[in-house]
All heavy atoms as atom14 arrays in JSON, in Angstrom:
{
  "sequence": "RRCVRVLRGHTDMVYDACYSPDGRRVASASLDKKVLIWGVS",
  "atom14_mask": [
    [1, 1, 1, 1, 1, 1, 1, 1, 1, 1, 1, 0, 0, 0],
    [1, 1, 1, 1, 1, 1, 1, 1, 1, 1, 1, 0, 0, 0],
    [1, 1, 1, 1, 1, 1, 0, 0, 0, 0, 0, 0, 0, 0],
    [1, 1, 1, 1, 1, 1, 1, 0, 0, 0, 0, 0, 0, 0],
    [1, 1, 1, 1, 1, 1, 1, 1, 1, 1, 1, 0, 0, 0],
    [1, 1, 1, 1, 1, 1, 1, 0, 0, 0, 0, 0, 0, 0],
    [1, 1, 1, 1, 1, 1, 1, 1, 0, 0, 0, 0, 0, 0],
    [1, 1, 1, 1, 1, 1, 1, 1, 1, 1, 1, 0, 0, 0],
    [1, 1, 1, 1, 0, 0, 0, 0, 0, 0, 0, 0, 0, 0],
    [1, 1, 1, 1, 1, 1, 1, 1, 1, 1, 0, 0, 0, 0],
    [1, 1, 1, 1, 1, 1, 1, 0, 0, 0, 0, 0, 0, 0],
    [1, 1, 1, 1, 1, 1, 1, 1, 0, 0, 0, 0, 0, 0],
    [1, 1, 1, 1, 1, 1, 1, 1, 0, 0, 0, 0, 0, 0],
    [1, 1, 1, 1, 1, 1, 1, 0, 0, 0, 0, 0, 0, 0],
    [1, 1, 1, 1, 1, 1, 1, 1, 1, 1, 1, 1, 0, 0],
    [1, 1, 1, 1, 1, 1, 1, 1, 0, 0, 0, 0, 0, 0],
    [1, 1, 1, 1, 1, 0, 0, 0, 0, 0, 0, 0, 0, 0],
    [1, 1, 1, 1, 1, 1, 0, 0, 0, 0, 0, 0, 0, 0],
    [1, 1, 1, 1, 1, 1, 1, 1, 1, 1, 1, 1, 0, 0],
    [1, 1, 1, 1, 1, 1, 0, 0, 0, 0, 0, 0, 0, 0],
    [1, 1, 1, 1, 1, 1, 1, 0, 0, 0, 0, 0, 0, 0],
    [1, 1, 1, 1, 1, 1, 1, 1, 0, 0, 0, 0, 0, 0],
    [1, 1, 1, 1, 0, 0, 0, 0, 0, 0, 0, 0, 0, 0],
    [1, 1, 1, 1, 1, 1, 1, 1, 1, 1, 1, 0, 0, 0],
    [1, 1, 1, 1, 1, 1, 1, 1, 1, 1, 1, 0, 0, 0],
    [1, 1, 1, 1, 1, 1, 1, 0, 0, 0, 0, 0, 0, 0],
    [1, 1, 1, 1, 1, 0, 0, 0, 0, 0, 0, 0, 0, 0],
    [1, 1, 1, 1, 1, 1, 0, 0, 0, 0, 0, 0, 0, 0],
    [1, 1, 1, 1, 1, 0, 0, 0, 0, 0, 0, 0, 0, 0],
    [1, 1, 1, 1, 1, 1, 0, 0, 0, 0, 0, 0, 0, 0],
    [1, 1, 1, 1, 1, 1, 1, 1, 0, 0, 0, 0, 0, 0],
    [1, 1, 1, 1, 1, 1, 1, 1, 0, 0, 0, 0, 0, 0],
    [1, 1, 1, 1, 1, 1, 1, 1, 1, 0, 0, 0, 0, 0],
    [1, 1, 1, 1, 1, 1, 1, 1, 1, 0, 0, 0, 0, 0],
    [1, 1, 1, 1, 1, 1, 1, 0, 0, 0, 0, 0, 0, 0],
    [1, 1, 1, 1, 1, 1, 1, 1, 0, 0, 0, 0, 0, 0],
    [1, 1, 1, 1, 1, 1, 1, 1, 0, 0, 0, 0, 0, 0],
    [1, 1, 1, 1, 1, 1, 1, 1, 1, 1, 1, 1, 1, 1],
    [1, 1, 1, 1, 0, 0, 0, 0, 0, 0, 0, 0, 0, 0],
    [1, 1, 1, 1, 1, 1, 1, 0, 0, 0, 0, 0, 0, 0],
    [1, 1, 1, 1, 1, 1, 0, 0, 0, 0, 0, 0, 0, 0]
  ],
  "atom14_positions": [
    [[21.3, -2.03, 4.8], [21.81, -2.28, 3.46], [21.46, -1.13, 2.52], [20.48, -0.41, 2.73], [21.24, -3.59, 2.91], [21.86, -4.82, 3.56], [23.24, -5.08, 3.02], [23.88, -6.22, 3.67], [24.98, -6.79, 3.24], [25.59, -6.32, 2.17], [25.5, -7.81, 3.9], [0.0, 0.0, 0.0], [0.0, 0.0, 0.0], [0.0, 0.0, 0.0]],
    [[22.23, -1.01, 1.48], [22.1, 0.12, 0.57], [21.07, -0.15, -0.53], [21.13, -1.19, -1.19], [23.47, 0.41, -0.06], [23.52, 1.73, -0.8], [24.88, 1.91, -1.44], [25.95, 2.02, -0.48], [26.34, 3.16, 0.06], [25.73, 4.29, -0.24], [27.34, 3.18, 0.91], [0.0, 0.0, 0.0], [0.0, 0.0, 0.0], [0.0, 0.0, 0.0]],
    [[20.16, 0.78, -0.71], [19.22, 0.72, -1.83], [19.91, 1.33, -3.05], [20.35, 2.49, -3.01], [17.94, 1.48, -1.51], [16.77, 1.51, -2.89], [0.0, 0.0, 0.0], [0.0, 0.0, 0.0], [0.0, 0.0, 0.0], [0.0, 0.0, 0.0], [0.0, 0.0, 0.0], [0.0, 0.0, 0.0], [0.0, 0.0, 0.0], [0.0, 0.0, 0.0]],
    [[20.01, 0.57, -4.09], [20.72, 1.02, -5.28], [19.82, 1.87, -6.18], [20.22, 2.93, -6.66], [21.26, -0.19, -6.07], [22.0, 0.26, -7.33], [22.18, -1.03, -5.19], [0.0, 0.0, 0.0], [0.0, 0.0, 0.0], [0.0, 0.0, 0.0], [0.0, 0.0, 0.0], [0.0, 0.0, 0.0], [0.0, 0.0, 0.0], [0.0, 0.0, 0.0]],
    [[18.61, 1.42, -6.39], [17.69, 2.14, -7.28], [16.25, 1.96, -6.84], [15.89, 0.94, -6.25], [17.82, 1.64, -8.72], [19.12, 2.02, -9.4], [19.09, 1.65, -10.88], [20.31, 2.1, -11.52], [21.42, 1.38, -11.61], [21.45, 0.17, -11.1], [22.49, 1.86, -12.21], [0.0, 0.0, 0.0], [0.0, 0.0, 0.0], [0.0, 0.0, 0.0]],
    [[15.44, 2.94, -7.19], [14.0, 2.86, -7.05], [13.41, 2.82, -8.46], [13.69, 3.7, -9.27], [13.42, 4.06, -6.28], [11.91, 3.93, -6.16], [14.05, 4.14, -4.89], [0.0, 0.0, 0.0], [0.0, 0.0, 0.0], [0.0, 0.0, 0.0], [0.0, 0.0, 0.0], [0.0, 0.0, 0.0], [0.0, 0.0, 0.0], [0.0, 0.0, 0.0]],
    [[12.62, 1.82, -8.75], [12.01, 1.66, -10.08], [10.56, 2.12, -10.01], [9.76, 1.55, -9.27], [12.09, 0.21, -10.54], [13.46, -0.47, -10.45], [13.4, -1.89, -11.01], [14.53, 0.34, -11.15], [0.0, 0.0, 0.0], [0.0, 0.0, 0.0], [0.0, 0.0, 0.0], [0.0, 0.0, 0.0], [0.0, 0.0, 0.0], [0.0, 0.0, 0.0]],
    [[10.24, 3.16, -10.78], [8.89, 3.72, -10.79], [8.29, 3.56, -12.18], [8.96, 3.76, -13.18], [8.93, 5.21, -10.42], [9.55, 5.51, -9.07], [9.56, 7.01, -8.8], [10.3, 7.33, -7.6], [9.81, 7.28, -6.37], [8.55, 6.91, -6.18], [10.56, 7.59, -5.32], [0.0, 0.0, 0.0], [0.0, 0.0, 0.0], [0.0, 0.0, 0.0]],
    [[7.01, 3.24, -12.22], [6.34, 3.08, -13.5], [4.95, 2.49, -13.37], [4.06, 2.81, -14.15], [0.0, 0.0, 0.0], [0.0, 0.0, 0.0], [0.0, 0.0, 0.0], [0.0, 0.0, 0.0], [0.0, 0.0, 0.0], [0.0, 0.0, 0.0], [0.0, 0.0, 0.0], [0.0, 0.0, 0.0], [0.0, 0.0, 0.0], [0.0, 0.0, 0.0]],
    [[4.75, 1.65, -12.35], [3.42, 1.09, -12.1], [2.52, 2.13, -11.43], [3.0, 3.02, -10.72], [3.52, -0.15, -11.21], [4.04, -1.37, -11.91], [3.34, -2.01, -12.91], [5.21, -2.06, -11.75], [4.04, -3.05, -13.32], [5.18, -3.11, -12.65], [0.0, 0.0, 0.0], [0.0, 0.0, 0.0], [0.0, 0.0, 0.0], [0.0, 0.0, 0.0]],
    [[1.23, 2.01, -11.68], [0.26, 2.95, -11.13], [-0.57, 2.34, -10.01], [-1.51, 2.97, -9.51], [-0.67, 3.47, -12.23], [-1.33, 2.37, -12.86], [0.13, 4.25, -13.28], [0.0, 0.0, 0.0], [0.0, 0.0, 0.0], [0.0, 0.0, 0.0], [0.0, 0.0, 0.0], [0.0, 0.0, 0.0], [0.0, 0.0, 0.0], [0.0, 0.0, 0.0]],
    [[-0.27, 1.11, -9.63], [-0.94, 0.46, -8.51], [0.1, -0.42, -7.82], [1.24, -0.53, -8.29], [-2.14, -0.36, -8.98], [-3.2, -0.53, -7.9], [-2.83, -0.47, -6.71], [-4.38, -0.72, -8.23], [0.0, 0.0, 0.0], [0.0, 0.0, 0.0], [0.0, 0.0, 0.0], [0.0, 0.0, 0.0], [0.0, 0.0, 0.0], [0.0, 0.0, 0.0]],
    [[-0.26, -1.04, -6.72], [0.71, -1.81, -5.95], [1.36, -2.9, -6.81], [0.73, -3.49, -7.68], [0.06, -2.41, -4.71], [-0.98, -3.47, -4.97], [-1.58, -4.2, -3.41], [-2.56, -2.87, -2.74], [0.0, 0.0, 0.0], [0.0, 0.0, 0.0], [0.0, 0.0, 0.0], [0.0, 0.0, 0.0], [0.0, 0.0, 0.0], [0.0, 0.0, 0.0]],
    [[2.64, -3.12, -6.58], [3.41, -4.13, -7.31], [3.41, -5.4, -6.47], [3.91, -5.4, -5.34], [4.85, -3.66, -7.58], [5.56, -4.64, -8.5], [4.85, -2.26, -8.19], [0.0, 0.0, 0.0], [0.0, 0.0, 0.0], [0.0, 0.0, 0.0], [0.0, 0.0, 0.0], [0.0, 0.0, 0.0], [0.0, 0.0, 0.0], [0.0, 0.0, 0.0]],
    [[2.85, -6.46, -7.03], [2.61, -7.65, -6.23], [3.72, -8.69, -6.33], [3.9, -9.5, -5.43], [1.27, -8.27, -6.61], [0.82, -9.34, -5.65], [0.6, -9.04, -4.31], [0.64, -10.66, -6.06], [0.22, -10.01, -3.41], [0.26, -11.64, -5.17], [0.04, -11.32, -3.84], [-0.33, -12.29, -2.95], [0.0, 0.0, 0.0], [0.0, 0.0, 0.0]],
    [[4.46, -8.71, -7.43], [5.49, -9.73, -7.58], [6.6, -9.21, -8.49], [6.38, -8.32, -9.33], [4.88, -11.01, -8.18], [5.8, -12.22, -8.05], [6.7, -12.19, -7.2], [5.6, -13.19, -8.8], [0.0, 0.0, 0.0], [0.0, 0.0, 0.0], [0.0, 0.0, 0.0], [0.0, 0.0, 0.0], [0.0, 0.0, 0.0], [0.0, 0.0, 0.0]],
    [[7.79, -9.78, -8.32], [8.93, -9.42, -9.17], [9.9, -10.59, -9.19], [10.01, -11.34, -8.22], [9.64, -8.17, -8.65], [0.0, 0.0, 0.0], [0.0, 0.0, 0.0], [0.0, 0.0, 0.0], [0.0, 0.0, 0.0], [0.0, 0.0, 0.0], [0.0, 0.0, 0.0], [0.0, 0.0, 0.0], [0.0, 0.0, 0.0], [0.0, 0.0, 0.0]],
    [[10.61, -10.74, -10.31], [11.59, -11.81, -10.4], [12.7, -11.43, -11.37], [12.49, -10.62, -12.29], [10.95, -13.14, -10.83], [10.29, -13.13, -12.52], [0.0, 0.0, 0.0], [0.0, 0.0, 0.0], [0.0, 0.0, 0.0], [0.0, 0.0, 0.0], [0.0, 0.0, 0.0], [0.0, 0.0, 0.0], [0.0, 0.0, 0.0], [0.0, 0.0, 0.0]],
    [[13.88, -11.99, -11.16], [15.02, -11.77, -12.05], [14.98, -12.76, -13.21], [14.51, -13.89, -13.07], [16.33, -11.99, -11.3], [16.86, -10.79, -10.55], [16.5, -10.57, -9.23], [17.72, -9.89, -11.15], [17.0, -9.49, -8.52], [18.23, -8.8, -10.46], [17.86, -8.61, -9.15], [18.34, -7.52, -8.46], [0.0, 0.0, 0.0], [0.0, 0.0, 0.0]],
    [[15.53, -12.33, -14.34], [15.79, -13.26, -15.43], [16.98, -14.13, -15.04], [17.8, -13.73, -14.2], [16.07, -12.5, -16.72], [17.23, -11.69, -16.59], [0.0, 0.0, 0.0], [0.0, 0.0, 0.0], [0.0, 0.0, 0.0], [0.0, 0.0, 0.0], [0.0, 0.0, 0.0], [0.0, 0.0, 0.0], [0.0, 0.0, 0.0], [0.0, 0.0, 0.0]],
    [[17.12, -15.32, -15.62], [18.23, -16.21, -15.24], [19.61, -15.61, -15.43], [20.54, -15.98, -14.71], [18.01, -17.43, -16.14], [16.55, -17.42, -16.43], [16.17, -15.98, -16.54], [0.0, 0.0, 0.0], [0.0, 0.0, 0.0], [0.0, 0.0, 0.0], [0.0, 0.0, 0.0], [0.0, 0.0, 0.0], [0.0, 0.0, 0.0], [0.0, 0.0, 0.0]],
    [[19.77, -14.69, -16.39], [21.08, -14.07, -16.58], [21.29, -12.85, -15.69], [22.38, -12.25, -15.7], [21.3, -13.68, -18.05], [20.28, -12.67, -18.56], [19.5, -12.14, -17.74], [20.25, -12.41, -19.78], [0.0, 0.0, 0.0], [0.0, 0.0, 0.0], [0.0, 0.0, 0.0], [0.0, 0.0, 0.0], [0.0, 0.0, 0.0], [0.0, 0.0, 0.0]],
    [[20.27, -12.47, -14.92], [20.39, -11.37, -13.99], [20.35, -9.99, -14.61], [20.53, -8.99, -13.9], [0.0, 0.0, 0.0], [0.0, 0.0, 0.0], [0.0, 0.0, 0.0], [0.0, 0.0, 0.0], [0.0, 0.0, 0.0], [0.0, 0.0, 0.0], [0.0, 0.0, 0.0], [0.0, 0.0, 0.0], [0.0, 0.0, 0.0], [0.0, 0.0, 0.0]],
    [[20.09, -9.9, -15.89], [20.13, -8.6, -16.57], [18.79, -7.89, -16.57], [18.72, -6.68, -16.81], [20.61, -8.79, -18.01], [22.03, -9.34, -18.12], [22.38, -9.71, -19.53], [22.29, -8.55, -20.42], [22.43, -8.63, -21.75], [22.65, -9.8, -22.32], [22.36, -7.54, -22.48], [0.0, 0.0, 0.0], [0.0, 0.0, 0.0], [0.0, 0.0, 0.0]],
    [[17.71, -8.61, -16.3], [16.38, -8.01, -16.33], [15.56, -8.42, -15.13], [15.81, -9.45, -14.5], [15.64, -8.4, -17.61], [16.29, -7.85, -18.88], [15.61, -8.35, -20.11], [16.26, -7.83, -21.32], [15.92, -8.18, -22.54], [14.96, -9.05, -22.74], [16.56, -7.65, -23.58], [0.0, 0.0, 0.0], [0.0, 0.0, 0.0], [0.0, 0.0, 0.0]],
    [[14.57, -7.6, -14.84], [13.6, -7.89, -13.79], [12.21, -7.73, -14.39], [11.95, -6.76, -15.11], [13.77, -6.94, -12.58], [12.55, -6.98, -11.68], [15.03, -7.3, -11.8], [0.0, 0.0, 0.0], [0.0, 0.0, 0.0], [0.0, 0.0, 0.0], [0.0, 0.0, 0.0], [0.0, 0.0, 0.0], [0.0, 0.0, 0.0], [0.0, 0.0, 0.0]],
    [[11.33, -8.66, -14.1], [9.92, -8.55, -14.51], [9.09, -8.27, -13.27], [9.36, -8.81, -12.19], [9.45, -9.83, -15.19], [0.0, 0.0, 0.0], [0.0, 0.0, 0.0], [0.0, 0.0, 0.0], [0.0, 0.0, 0.0], [0.0, 0.0, 0.0], [0.0, 0.0, 0.0], [0.0, 0.0, 0.0], [0.0, 0.0, 0.0], [0.0, 0.0, 0.0]],
    [[8.07, -7.43, -13.42], [7.21, -7.08, -12.29], [5.75, -7.2, -12.67], [5.36, -6.89, -13.8], [7.52, -5.67, -11.78], [7.35, -4.71, -12.81], [0.0, 0.0, 0.0], [0.0, 0.0, 0.0], [0.0, 0.0, 0.0], [0.0, 0.0, 0.0], [0.0, 0.0, 0.0], [0.0, 0.0, 0.0], [0.0, 0.0, 0.0], [0.0, 0.0, 0.0]],
    [[4.93, -7.64, -11.73], [3.49, -7.78, -11.91], [2.78, -6.82, -10.99], [3.14, -6.69, -9.82], [3.05, -9.22, -11.62], [0.0, 0.0, 0.0], [0.0, 0.0, 0.0], [0.0, 0.0, 0.0], [0.0, 0.0, 0.0], [0.0, 0.0, 0.0], [0.0, 0.0, 0.0], [0.0, 0.0, 0.0], [0.0, 0.0, 0.0], [0.0, 0.0, 0.0]],
    [[1.76, -6.15, -11.5], [1.08, -5.13, -10.71], [-0.43, -5.25, -10.82], [-0.96, -5.82, -11.78], [1.52, -3.74, -11.17], [0.72, -2.72, -10.59], [0.0, 0.0, 0.0], [0.0, 0.0, 0.0], [0.0, 0.0, 0.0], [0.0, 0.0, 0.0], [0.0, 0.0, 0.0], [0.0, 0.0, 0.0], [0.0, 0.0, 0.0], [0.0, 0.0, 0.0]],
    [[-1.09, -4.67, -9.84], [-2.54, -4.62, -9.88], [-3.04, -3.6, -10.88], [-4.25, -3.45, -11.05], [-3.09, -4.32, -8.48], [-2.64, -5.3, -7.38], [-3.51, -5.12, -6.14], [-2.67, -6.74, -7.84], [0.0, 0.0, 0.0], [0.0, 0.0, 0.0], [0.0, 0.0, 0.0], [0.0, 0.0, 0.0], [0.0, 0.0, 0.0], [0.0, 0.0, 0.0]],
    [[-2.13, -2.89, -11.57], [-2.53, -1.98, -12.65], [-2.74, -2.71, -13.98], [-2.88, -2.09, -15.02], [-1.52, -0.84, -12.82], [-0.14, -1.34, -13.24], [0.02, -2.52, -13.58], [0.81, -0.52, -13.23], [0.0, 0.0, 0.0], [0.0, 0.0, 0.0], [0.0, 0.0, 0.0], [0.0, 0.0, 0.0], [0.0, 0.0, 0.0], [0.0, 0.0, 0.0]],
    [[-2.72, -4.07, -13.92], [-2.97, -4.95, -15.07], [-1.79, -5.06, -16.03], [-1.92, -5.64, -17.11], [-4.22, -4.5, -15.87], [-5.47, -4.29, -15.05], [-6.6, -3.76, -15.91], [-7.8, -3.38, -15.07], [-8.9, -2.8, -15.89], [0.0, 0.0, 0.0], [0.0, 0.0, 0.0], [0.0, 0.0, 0.0], [0.0, 0.0, 0.0], [0.0, 0.0, 0.0]],
    [[-0.64, -4.53, -15.64], [0.52, -4.53, -16.54], [1.65, -5.38, -15.98], [1.8, -5.55, -14.77], [1.03, -3.11, -16.75], [0.05, -2.16, -17.43], [0.66, -0.79, -17.61], [-0.31, 0.2, -18.23], [-1.44, 0.5, -17.35], [0.0, 0.0, 0.0], [0.0, 0.0, 0.0], [0.0, 0.0, 0.0], [0.0, 0.0, 0.0], [0.0, 0.0, 0.0]],
    [[2.45, -5.89, -16.92], [3.73, -6.51, -16.61], [4.81, -5.63, -17.22], [4.77, -5.33, -18.41], [3.83, -7.94, -17.18], [5.23, -8.51, -16.97], [2.78, -8.85, -16.55], [0.0, 0.0, 0.0], [0.0, 0.0, 0.0], [0.0, 0.0, 0.0], [0.0, 0.0, 0.0], [0.0, 0.0, 0.0], [0.0, 0.0, 0.0], [0.0, 0.0, 0.0]],
    [[5.75, -5.18, -16.4], [6.85, -4.36, -16.89], [8.15, -5.15, -16.79], [8.35, -5.9, -15.84], [6.97, -3.06, -16.1], [5.76, -2.12, -16.09], [6.11, -0.82, -15.37], [5.25, -1.84, -17.49], [0.0, 0.0, 0.0], [0.0, 0.0, 0.0], [0.0, 0.0, 0.0], [0.0, 0.0, 0.0], [0.0, 0.0, 0.0], [0.0, 0.0, 0.0]],
    [[9.02, -4.97, -17.78], [10.34, -5.59, -17.77], [11.37, -4.47, -17.71], [11.33, -3.53, -18.51], [10.55, -6.49, -19.0], [9.5, -7.62, -19.0], [11.95, -7.08, -18.99], [9.58, -8.55, -20.18], [0.0, 0.0, 0.0], [0.0, 0.0, 0.0], [0.0, 0.0, 0.0], [0.0, 0.0, 0.0], [0.0, 0.0, 0.0], [0.0, 0.0, 0.0]],
    [[12.3, -4.59, -16.77], [13.26, -3.54, -16.47], [14.68, -3.99, -16.77], [15.01, -5.17, -16.59], [13.19, -3.15, -14.99], [11.82, -2.89, -14.46], [10.88, -3.82, -14.08], [11.21, -1.62, -14.23], [9.74, -3.21, -13.63], [9.91, -1.85, -13.71], [11.63, -0.31, -14.39], [9.05, -0.83, -13.36], [10.78, 0.72, -14.05], [9.49, 0.47, -13.54]],
    [[15.51, -3.05, -17.18], [16.94, -3.32, -17.29], [17.58, -3.08, -15.94], [17.43, -2.01, -15.36], [0.0, 0.0, 0.0], [0.0, 0.0, 0.0], [0.0, 0.0, 0.0], [0.0, 0.0, 0.0], [0.0, 0.0, 0.0], [0.0, 0.0, 0.0], [0.0, 0.0, 0.0], [0.0, 0.0, 0.0], [0.0, 0.0, 0.0], [0.0, 0.0, 0.0]],
    [[18.28, -4.07, -15.42], [18.86, -3.96, -14.08], [19.96, -2.9, -14.04], [20.08, -2.14, -13.09], [19.4, -5.32, -13.62], [20.2, -5.19, -12.33], [18.25, -6.31, -13.43], [0.0, 0.0, 0.0], [0.0, 0.0, 0.0], [0.0, 0.0, 0.0], [0.0, 0.0, 0.0], [0.0, 0.0, 0.0], [0.0, 0.0, 0.0], [0.0, 0.0, 0.0]],
    [[20.78, -2.84, -15.07], [21.91, -1.91, -15.06], [21.5, -0.45, -15.15], [22.17, 0.44, -14.64], [22.87, -2.24, -16.21], [22.22, -2.08, -17.47], [0.0, 0.0, 0.0], [0.0, 0.0, 0.0], [0.0, 0.0, 0.0], [0.0, 0.0, 0.0], [0.0, 0.0, 0.0], [0.0, 0.0, 0.0], [0.0, 0.0, 0.0], [0.0, 0.0, 0.0]]
  ]
}
């Protein structure tokens, strides 16, 4: 399958990720103590 994008920004392993219900955003949890929210498009 085709990888569309690689999202970089965390400085430690990314342990979890989930889509928003409208599919427009992704939230990620990392061992770097941060939660990042990404635009899918």
